Amino acid sequence: MWAYESVFYQIYPLGFCGVPFANDGILRHGIKKVGEWIPHMRRLGIDAVYFSPLFEADTHGYDTRDYRRLDVRLGTNEDFKEVCRALHENGIRVVLDGVFNHVGRGFGPFQDVLRNREHSSYLNWFYRIDLSGNSPYNDGLWYEGWEGHYDLVKLNLRNEEVVHYLLDSVRFWVEEFGIDGLRLDVAYSLDENFIRRLRGFCDSLKEDFYLLGEMLHGNYNRLMNDAMLHSVTNYECYKGLYSSFNSMNLFEIVHSLLRQFGPESWTLYRGKHLLTFVDNHDVTRVASILNNPAHLPLIYALAFGMPGIPCVYYGSEWGVKAYKSEGDPALRPCFEAPQWNELCEWIEKLARAKHMSRALQYGAFRSLLLTNRQCVFERGVDGERVLVAVNADGVPFEARFDAGCSQAVDLISGRVYDFENGMVLPPYSAFYFRG
């Protein structure tokens, strides 16, 4: 599948376009700004854009009002068609956020329930409506909000009318915008039969349509399998990546990678392709969470070198800082234009290496050398072997490992290295060696 060979770029459109938090109903056309960033994305080596919610919503986008209309704060459906057309013409695929677990209070059918109560034809569209109860909004009825958030009204995904409505919305997105995949918000909360229905529907709708699910904990195979999702978010390794550098204990991330992709029979996800990220719209920016700025290029080298689909969050490629404690506006800002610096150049080289190596796209995982501050692991497939080497220390390290060859080229820099007398890894360095 195309996604397994891709580098993703995440944009949170409502923040990216700098719109008001609450939907004021005023038409703007900021979504067109995405087109202005296409040269930047191409230079980075981006193959697909994952857009966080962009359909009509009450506030932050995850509280949908209308699944078939671009949020008026971003523009019109025609505006987004133009954006998708431009992205596709530049070889960049489009993945949308499928927010199917819940809707906003402004969603038409829910408003009908509030008005008509037991007489509403939409009463069973929502999960656990209790007309004898009350909500924090004093509606005179109680309903289930997602994880206690009553601005997010939980849908009844076992209602055939709801399922058909959502599937028809996906069909609309494919026919109108030509989208190539979906990221399912809070996939871990979704009805599993709904996910199976969605997978079968999407398989019949468009060849190689990609389904990614947001998962945090537990066994990802519950939802990531041949009948459900192609991929999930690798939150286990997200934490392991930054924590390994901050504690100077690379055993943590390598242990996770061995558990997920290693050669043992109990390995959980060998041969699968999880979405790899160092930050996103919900967490502290990686440049803020790392204790040592010298580790910033190295964490990206690990993220691109490990098994998975690397995803870059807009702005983080040039080292933007923001803390989750500062709130969503800090994590999801508006930038007038993209910047370009040494970190961008580094990520561009990592993306190029990923594109030119089947081993980095599909290769198995094997640890060759591991200390608290250094690691070397192998990615190999179909006779190609790439060694990912990282020195997180501020001093050189003499690394001795099974190189399997006397010379190798570093796919990042293009330089050729001699392994006959061992290899000295410079301070704060990373390499992708291919013999």
Protein backbone atom coordinates (compact mmCIF):
# COMPACT_ATOMS: atom_id res chain seq x y z
CA MET A 1 0.00 0.00 0.00
CA TRP A 2 1.12 3.54 -0.81
CA ALA A 3 0.91 4.64 2.84
CA TYR A 4 3.60 2.19 3.90
CA GLU A 5 6.11 3.96 1.63
CA SER A 6 5.06 7.49 2.57
CA VAL A 7 6.06 10.36 4.80
CA PHE A 8 3.01 12.09 6.30
CA TYR A 9 2.50 15.73 7.26
CA GLN A 10 -0.18 16.70 9.80
CA ILE A 11 -2.04 20.00 9.59
CA TYR A 12 -4.63 21.18 12.12
CA PRO A 13 -6.63 23.40 9.73
CA LEU A 14 -8.53 25.58 12.22
CA GLY A 15 -5.28 26.55 13.91
CA PHE A 16 -3.26 26.61 10.69
CA CYS A 17 -5.70 29.17 9.27
CA GLY A 18 -5.94 31.22 12.47
CA VAL A 19 -9.74 31.20 12.73
CA PRO A 20 -11.81 32.07 15.84
CA PHE A 21 -12.23 29.22 18.30
CA ALA A 22 -16.04 29.41 18.30
CA ASN A 23 -17.86 29.13 14.99
CA ASP A 24 -19.03 32.67 14.23
CA GLY A 25 -20.66 31.75 10.92
CA ILE A 26 -18.49 34.19 8.96
CA LEU A 27 -17.19 32.83 5.65
CA ARG A 28 -13.43 32.90 5.25
CA HIS A 29 -11.23 31.17 2.67
CA GLY A 30 -8.13 30.36 4.72
CA ILE A 31 -7.99 26.71 3.62
CA LYS A 32 -6.50 27.97 0.35
CA LYS A 33 -3.33 28.73 2.33
CA VAL A 34 -2.53 25.00 2.22
CA GLY A 35 -1.81 25.42 -1.48
CA GLU A 36 0.86 28.00 -0.67
CA TRP A 37 2.64 25.42 1.49
CA ILE A 38 2.83 22.74 -1.21
CA PRO A 39 6.37 23.75 -2.36
CA HIS A 40 7.52 23.49 1.27
CA MET A 41 5.94 20.05 1.66
CA ARG A 42 7.44 18.82 -1.60
CA ARG A 43 10.87 20.06 -0.55
CA LEU A 44 10.51 18.19 2.76
CA GLY A 45 9.63 15.00 0.89
CA ILE A 46 5.99 14.74 2.00
CA ASP A 47 3.77 12.14 0.31
CA ALA A 48 0.49 12.64 2.20
CA VAL A 49 -1.23 15.29 4.28
CA TYR A 50 -3.36 14.24 7.23
CA PHE A 51 -5.85 17.01 7.98
CA SER A 52 -7.29 17.23 11.47
CA PRO A 53 -11.04 18.04 11.45
CA LEU A 54 -12.17 20.53 8.85
CA PHE A 55 -15.93 20.01 8.52
CA GLU A 56 -18.53 22.37 9.99
CA ALA A 57 -18.19 22.29 13.77
CA ASP A 58 -19.10 24.17 16.94
CA THR A 59 -15.54 24.97 18.07
CA HIS A 60 -12.37 22.84 17.81
CA GLY A 61 -13.51 20.61 14.93
CA TYR A 62 -14.16 17.40 16.85
CA ASP A 63 -17.68 18.67 17.65
CA THR A 64 -19.09 18.23 14.15
CA ARG A 65 -22.22 20.04 12.98
CA ASP A 66 -22.26 18.96 9.35
CA TYR A 67 -20.14 16.14 7.90
CA ARG A 68 -20.61 17.29 4.32
CA ARG A 69 -19.69 20.93 4.48
CA LEU A 70 -16.28 22.50 5.01
CA ASP A 71 -16.26 24.62 8.15
CA VAL A 72 -17.35 28.11 7.13
CA ARG A 73 -14.38 29.51 9.05
CA LEU A 74 -12.09 27.69 6.59
CA GLY A 75 -13.96 28.27 3.33
CA THR A 76 -16.27 26.41 1.00
CA ASN A 77 -16.32 22.90 -0.39
CA GLU A 78 -15.12 24.37 -3.69
CA ASP A 79 -12.13 25.89 -1.90
CA PHE A 80 -11.19 22.51 -0.46
CA LYS A 81 -11.68 20.82 -3.83
CA GLU A 82 -9.08 23.20 -5.24
CA VAL A 83 -6.69 22.37 -2.38
CA CYS A 84 -7.11 18.61 -2.88
CA ARG A 85 -6.67 18.97 -6.63
CA ALA A 86 -3.43 20.92 -6.14
CA LEU A 87 -2.11 18.40 -3.63
CA HIS A 88 -2.88 15.47 -5.92
CA GLU A 89 -1.28 17.23 -8.89
CA ASN A 90 1.89 17.47 -6.79
CA GLY A 91 1.84 13.81 -5.82
CA ILE A 92 0.55 14.40 -2.28
CA ARG A 93 -2.34 12.28 -1.05
CA VAL A 94 -5.11 13.46 1.26
CA VAL A 95 -6.20 11.82 4.54
CA LEU A 96 -9.08 13.32 6.54
CA ASP A 97 -10.00 13.02 10.20
CA GLY A 98 -13.07 10.77 10.53
CA VAL A 99 -14.76 11.88 13.75
CA PHE A 100 -17.40 9.14 14.00
CA ASN A 101 -17.65 8.49 17.73
CA HIS A 102 -19.40 11.74 18.60
CA VAL A 103 -20.79 15.01 17.23
CA GLY A 104 -21.22 18.55 18.51
CA ARG A 105 -24.33 19.86 20.17
CA GLY A 106 -24.95 21.88 17.00
CA PHE A 107 -25.39 18.70 14.94
CA GLY A 108 -28.82 18.93 13.24
CA PRO A 109 -30.25 15.59 14.42
CA PHE A 110 -29.24 16.32 18.02
CA GLN A 111 -30.88 19.72 17.84
CA ASP A 112 -34.01 17.93 16.62
CA VAL A 113 -33.93 15.68 19.70
CA LEU A 114 -33.62 18.71 21.99
CA ARG A 115 -36.65 20.31 20.31
CA ASN A 116 -38.91 17.30 19.83
CA ARG A 117 -37.75 14.84 22.51
CA GLU A 118 -39.67 11.53 22.24
CA HIS A 119 -41.24 12.67 18.98
CA SER A 120 -37.88 13.11 17.26
CA SER A 121 -37.08 10.61 14.51
CA TYR A 122 -33.41 10.96 15.56
CA LEU A 123 -33.88 9.88 19.17
CA ASN A 124 -32.03 6.59 18.61
CA TRP A 125 -29.17 8.21 16.70
CA PHE A 126 -27.46 8.89 20.02
CA TYR A 127 -26.07 6.63 22.68
CA ARG A 128 -28.13 6.34 25.90
CA ILE A 129 -30.57 9.24 25.73
CA ASP A 130 -32.56 9.48 29.00
CA LEU A 131 -35.57 11.79 28.70
CA SER A 132 -36.14 11.65 32.47
CA GLY A 133 -32.70 12.99 33.28
CA ASN A 134 -30.84 16.24 32.72
CA SER A 135 -27.47 17.37 31.38
CA PRO A 136 -24.97 20.01 32.53
CA TYR A 137 -26.51 22.21 29.81
CA ASN A 138 -29.95 21.89 31.51
CA ASP A 139 -31.48 20.29 28.43
CA GLY A 140 -34.21 18.48 30.33
CA LEU A 141 -32.71 15.18 29.14
CA TRP A 142 -29.50 13.28 29.76
CA TYR A 143 -27.16 11.88 27.09
CA GLU A 144 -23.73 10.33 27.08
CA GLY A 145 -20.86 12.66 26.26
CA TRP A 146 -17.53 11.21 25.18
CA GLU A 147 -15.46 10.62 28.33
CA GLY A 148 -17.65 13.05 30.27
CA HIS A 149 -17.40 15.90 27.74
CA TYR A 150 -21.00 16.95 27.16
CA ASP A 151 -20.07 19.16 24.21
CA LEU A 152 -19.30 15.85 22.43
CA VAL A 153 -22.53 13.87 22.01
CA LYS A 154 -21.86 10.15 21.58
CA LEU A 155 -23.38 8.57 18.45
CA ASN A 156 -25.15 5.20 18.43
CA LEU A 157 -23.01 3.28 15.95
CA ARG A 158 -25.31 0.27 16.17
CA ASN A 159 -28.13 2.23 14.56
CA GLU A 160 -28.26 1.39 10.83
CA GLU A 161 -29.43 4.91 9.95
CA VAL A 162 -26.37 6.39 11.64
CA VAL A 163 -24.02 3.90 9.98
CA HIS A 164 -25.50 4.60 6.53
CA TYR A 165 -25.27 8.34 7.14
CA LEU A 166 -21.58 8.11 8.04
CA LEU A 167 -20.71 5.75 5.19
CA ASP A 168 -22.53 8.00 2.74
CA SER A 169 -20.50 10.91 4.11
CA VAL A 170 -17.29 9.00 3.39
CA ARG A 171 -18.54 8.33 -0.14
CA PHE A 172 -19.24 12.05 -0.47
CA TRP A 173 -15.68 12.91 0.60
CA VAL A 174 -14.23 10.51 -1.96
CA GLU A 175 -16.46 11.71 -4.78
CA GLU A 176 -16.17 15.43 -3.98
CA PHE A 177 -12.56 15.72 -2.86
CA GLY A 178 -10.90 12.49 -4.02
CA ILE A 179 -9.55 11.69 -0.56
CA ASP A 180 -7.20 8.74 -0.15
CA GLY A 181 -7.76 7.71 3.46
CA LEU A 182 -9.12 8.42 6.91
CA ARG A 183 -7.69 8.78 10.38
CA LEU A 184 -10.34 7.61 12.84
CA ASP A 185 -10.56 9.82 15.90
CA VAL A 186 -10.66 7.90 19.23
CA ALA A 187 -10.74 4.62 17.32
CA TYR A 188 -10.32 2.82 20.64
CA SER A 189 -13.85 3.97 21.59
CA LEU A 190 -15.56 3.00 18.33
CA ASP A 191 -17.89 0.04 17.94
CA GLU A 192 -15.76 -2.74 16.42
CA ASN A 193 -18.51 -3.89 14.06
CA PHE A 194 -18.72 -0.35 12.72
CA ILE A 195 -15.00 -0.40 11.96
CA ARG A 196 -15.42 -3.69 10.08
CA ARG A 197 -18.28 -2.21 8.08
CA LEU A 198 -16.20 0.87 7.33
CA ARG A 199 -13.24 -1.21 6.14
CA GLY A 200 -15.37 -3.29 3.79
CA PHE A 201 -17.12 -0.21 2.47
CA CYS A 202 -13.87 1.69 1.85
CA ASP A 203 -12.25 -1.33 0.19
CA SER A 204 -15.12 -1.40 -2.29
CA LEU A 205 -15.14 2.37 -2.72
CA LYS A 206 -11.54 3.07 -3.69
CA GLU A 207 -8.49 0.91 -4.26
CA ASP A 208 -5.80 1.22 -1.56
CA PHE A 209 -7.98 3.44 0.62
CA TYR A 210 -6.02 3.84 3.87
CA LEU A 211 -7.55 3.53 7.34
CA LEU A 212 -5.57 4.76 10.34
CA GLY A 213 -6.92 4.65 13.88
CA GLU A 214 -6.08 6.67 16.98
CA MET A 215 -5.05 4.19 19.68
CA LEU A 216 -3.20 4.86 22.92
CA HIS A 217 -2.72 1.71 24.98
CA GLY A 218 -3.32 -2.02 24.89
CA ASN A 219 -2.84 -4.50 22.05
CA TYR A 220 -3.17 -2.59 18.80
CA ASN A 221 -4.09 -5.79 16.95
CA ARG A 222 -7.57 -5.49 18.42
CA LEU A 223 -8.30 -2.93 15.70
CA MET A 224 -5.32 -3.27 13.35
CA ASN A 225 -5.89 -6.37 11.26
CA ASP A 226 -6.99 -7.53 7.80
CA ALA A 227 -10.68 -6.91 8.58
CA MET A 228 -10.38 -3.53 10.29
CA LEU A 229 -7.64 -0.87 10.24
CA HIS A 230 -4.44 -0.85 8.21
CA SER A 231 -2.58 1.10 10.86
CA VAL A 232 -2.81 2.83 14.24
CA THR A 233 -0.97 5.60 16.06
CA ASN A 234 2.10 4.28 17.86
CA TYR A 235 1.69 6.07 21.18
CA GLU A 236 3.80 3.48 22.97
CA CYS A 237 6.86 4.48 20.96
CA TYR A 238 5.93 8.18 21.01
CA LYS A 239 6.56 8.18 24.74
CA GLY A 240 9.56 5.88 24.44
CA LEU A 241 11.26 8.12 21.90
CA TYR A 242 11.46 11.32 23.93
CA SER A 243 11.77 9.56 27.30
CA SER A 244 14.78 7.55 26.08
CA PHE A 245 16.66 10.72 25.24
CA ASN A 246 15.62 12.66 28.34
CA SER A 247 16.65 9.83 30.66
CA MET A 248 19.65 8.89 28.47
CA ASN A 249 18.32 5.34 28.42
CA LEU A 250 17.92 4.08 24.85
CA PHE A 251 17.02 0.67 26.28
CA GLU A 252 13.48 2.01 26.69
CA ILE A 253 12.76 2.70 23.03
CA VAL A 254 14.64 -0.36 21.77
CA HIS A 255 12.74 -2.56 24.23
CA SER A 256 9.48 -1.23 22.77
CA LEU A 257 10.70 -1.80 19.23
CA LEU A 258 11.75 -5.36 20.03
CA ARG A 259 8.39 -5.99 21.67
CA GLN A 260 6.55 -4.60 18.66
CA PHE A 261 8.69 -5.62 15.68
CA GLY A 262 11.53 -7.86 16.85
CA PRO A 263 12.47 -11.34 15.61
CA GLU A 264 10.92 -13.32 18.48
CA SER A 265 7.75 -15.38 18.02
CA TRP A 266 5.87 -13.26 20.58
CA THR A 267 6.47 -10.01 18.71
CA LEU A 268 3.18 -8.14 18.36
CA TYR A 269 3.30 -6.14 15.12
CA ARG A 270 6.05 -7.55 12.91
CA GLY A 271 5.21 -6.78 9.28
CA LYS A 272 2.71 -4.07 10.20
CA HIS A 273 3.03 -0.32 9.70
CA LEU A 274 2.09 1.93 12.62
CA LEU A 275 2.09 5.72 12.38
CA THR A 276 5.27 7.06 14.01
CA PHE A 277 5.36 10.61 15.39
CA VAL A 278 7.40 12.70 17.80
CA ASP A 279 4.54 15.15 18.45
CA ASN A 280 1.08 16.11 17.21
CA HIS A 281 -1.81 18.50 17.93
CA ASP A 282 -2.55 16.91 21.33
CA VAL A 283 0.89 16.85 22.98
CA THR A 284 3.82 19.10 23.86
CA ARG A 285 5.99 19.97 20.85
CA VAL A 286 9.09 17.80 20.65
CA ALA A 287 11.46 20.79 20.70
CA SER A 288 9.97 21.73 24.08
CA ILE A 289 9.85 18.28 25.65
CA LEU A 290 13.47 17.29 24.90
CA ASN A 291 15.92 18.34 27.61
CA ASN A 292 18.86 18.58 25.19
CA PRO A 293 18.37 20.46 21.89
CA ALA A 294 21.16 18.36 20.36
CA HIS A 295 18.81 15.37 20.52
CA LEU A 296 16.22 16.97 18.22
CA PRO A 297 17.75 15.72 14.94
CA LEU A 298 18.41 12.33 16.56
CA ILE A 299 14.80 11.72 17.61
CA TYR A 300 13.70 12.33 14.03
CA ALA A 301 16.41 9.94 12.80
CA LEU A 302 15.00 7.22 15.06
CA ALA A 303 11.43 8.00 14.04
CA PHE A 304 12.25 7.71 10.34
CA GLY A 305 14.56 4.71 10.81
CA MET A 306 12.32 2.50 12.95
CA PRO A 307 9.47 0.44 11.48
CA GLY A 308 6.44 2.56 10.70
CA ILE A 309 5.08 5.52 8.76
CA PRO A 310 6.73 8.77 9.89
CA CYS A 311 4.48 11.80 10.37
CA VAL A 312 5.69 15.39 10.84
CA TYR A 313 3.45 17.94 12.60
CA TYR A 314 3.36 21.33 10.87
CA GLY A 315 5.89 23.73 12.37
CA SER A 316 7.84 21.10 14.25
CA GLU A 317 10.07 20.57 11.23
CA TRP A 318 11.78 23.88 11.99
CA GLY A 319 11.72 23.40 15.77
CA VAL A 320 8.67 25.33 16.98
CA LYS A 321 8.15 25.09 20.74
CA ALA A 322 4.89 24.80 22.70
CA TYR A 323 3.76 23.08 25.89
CA LYS A 324 0.47 21.25 26.35
CA SER A 325 0.02 23.16 29.61
CA GLU A 326 -0.28 26.35 27.53
CA GLY A 327 -3.47 25.04 25.92
CA ASP A 328 -4.62 24.15 22.43
CA PRO A 329 -3.98 27.59 20.85
CA ALA A 330 -0.27 27.19 21.63
CA LEU A 331 -0.16 23.65 20.23
CA ARG A 332 -2.21 24.50 17.11
CA PRO A 333 -0.94 27.91 15.94
CA CYS A 334 -1.19 29.88 12.74
CA PHE A 335 2.04 30.54 10.82
CA GLU A 336 2.06 33.12 8.08
CA ALA A 337 4.52 31.06 6.04
CA PRO A 338 6.72 28.00 6.51
CA GLN A 339 10.32 28.41 7.62
CA TRP A 340 13.39 26.54 6.42
CA ASN A 341 16.43 25.79 8.55
CA GLU A 342 18.96 23.05 9.31
CA LEU A 343 16.38 20.84 10.97
CA CYS A 344 14.20 21.04 7.85
CA GLU A 345 17.21 20.06 5.74
CA TRP A 346 17.85 17.11 8.05
CA ILE A 347 14.25 15.90 7.81
CA GLU A 348 14.41 16.31 4.03
CA LYS A 349 17.43 13.98 3.99
CA LEU A 350 15.69 11.46 6.25
CA ALA A 351 12.64 11.46 3.97
CA ARG A 352 14.85 10.95 0.93
CA ALA A 353 16.56 8.01 2.61
CA LYS A 354 13.18 6.51 3.55
CA HIS A 355 11.99 6.80 -0.06
CA MET A 356 15.07 5.16 -1.55
CA SER A 357 15.19 2.16 0.79
CA ARG A 358 12.80 -0.80 0.82
CA ALA A 359 14.52 -1.90 4.02
CA LEU A 360 13.52 1.32 5.78
CA GLN A 361 9.97 0.97 4.45
CA TYR A 362 9.37 -2.76 4.95
CA GLY A 363 12.40 -4.21 6.72
CA ALA A 364 12.34 -6.39 9.82
CA PHE A 365 13.87 -5.11 13.06
CA ARG A 366 16.90 -6.54 14.88
CA SER A 367 19.00 -4.91 17.60
CA LEU A 368 22.78 -5.14 17.04
CA LEU A 369 24.26 -2.84 19.69
CA LEU A 370 22.66 -1.19 22.68
CA THR A 371 23.94 0.94 25.54
CA ASN A 372 22.23 3.67 27.53
CA ARG A 373 23.45 6.31 25.08
CA GLN A 374 24.01 4.45 21.80
CA CYS A 375 22.05 2.03 19.66
CA VAL A 376 22.51 0.27 16.35
CA PHE A 377 19.69 -1.73 14.83
CA GLU A 378 19.15 -3.48 11.53
CA ARG A 379 16.31 -3.10 9.05
CA GLY A 380 16.40 -5.76 6.34
CA VAL A 381 14.21 -7.06 3.51
CA ASP A 382 14.74 -8.79 0.15
CA GLY A 383 18.51 -8.75 0.44
CA GLU A 384 18.77 -5.07 1.41
CA ARG A 385 20.19 -4.31 4.84
CA VAL A 386 20.27 -0.87 6.48
CA LEU A 387 21.87 -0.24 9.88
CA VAL A 388 20.45 2.67 11.88
CA ALA A 389 23.11 3.98 14.27
CA VAL A 390 22.60 6.70 16.89
CA ASN A 391 25.00 8.24 19.41
CA ALA A 392 23.03 10.36 21.89
CA ASP A 393 26.15 11.20 23.90
CA GLY A 394 28.22 14.37 23.72
CA VAL A 395 31.45 12.44 23.20
CA PRO A 396 32.56 10.07 20.40
CA PHE A 397 31.73 6.39 20.74
CA GLU A 398 33.65 3.48 19.22
CA ALA A 399 30.93 1.18 17.97
CA ARG A 400 31.65 -2.44 17.16
CA PHE A 401 28.80 -4.35 15.60
CA ASP A 402 28.10 -6.85 12.84
CA ALA A 403 28.27 -4.49 9.88
CA GLY A 404 28.19 -7.41 7.43
CA CYS A 405 30.38 -5.48 5.01
CA SER A 406 33.71 -3.66 4.88
CA GLN A 407 32.23 -0.44 3.49
CA ALA A 408 28.80 1.17 3.58
CA VAL A 409 27.14 4.35 2.36
CA ASP A 410 25.21 6.55 4.77
CA LEU A 411 21.84 7.14 3.12
CA ILE A 412 21.45 10.44 4.98
CA SER A 413 24.69 12.13 3.94
CA GLY A 414 25.70 10.03 0.93
CA ARG A 415 29.18 9.50 2.39
CA VAL A 416 30.97 6.13 2.21
CA TYR A 417 32.39 4.71 5.47
CA ASP A 418 35.01 2.03 6.13
CA PHE A 419 34.02 -0.55 8.73
CA GLU A 420 37.16 -2.74 8.68
CA ASN A 421 38.58 -1.10 11.82
CA GLY A 422 35.27 -0.47 13.56
CA MET A 423 33.26 2.71 13.49
CA VAL A 424 33.54 5.82 15.63
CA LEU A 425 30.20 7.56 16.01
CA PRO A 426 30.69 11.32 16.50
CA PRO A 427 28.89 13.12 19.34
CA TYR A 428 25.15 13.57 18.76
CA SER A 429 25.12 11.73 15.44
CA ALA A 430 22.87 9.42 13.44
CA PHE A 431 23.49 7.29 10.34
CA TYR A 432 21.61 4.95 8.00
CA PHE A 433 24.35 2.59 6.74
CA ARG A 434 23.64 0.47 3.66
CA GLY A 435 26.34 -1.93 2.46
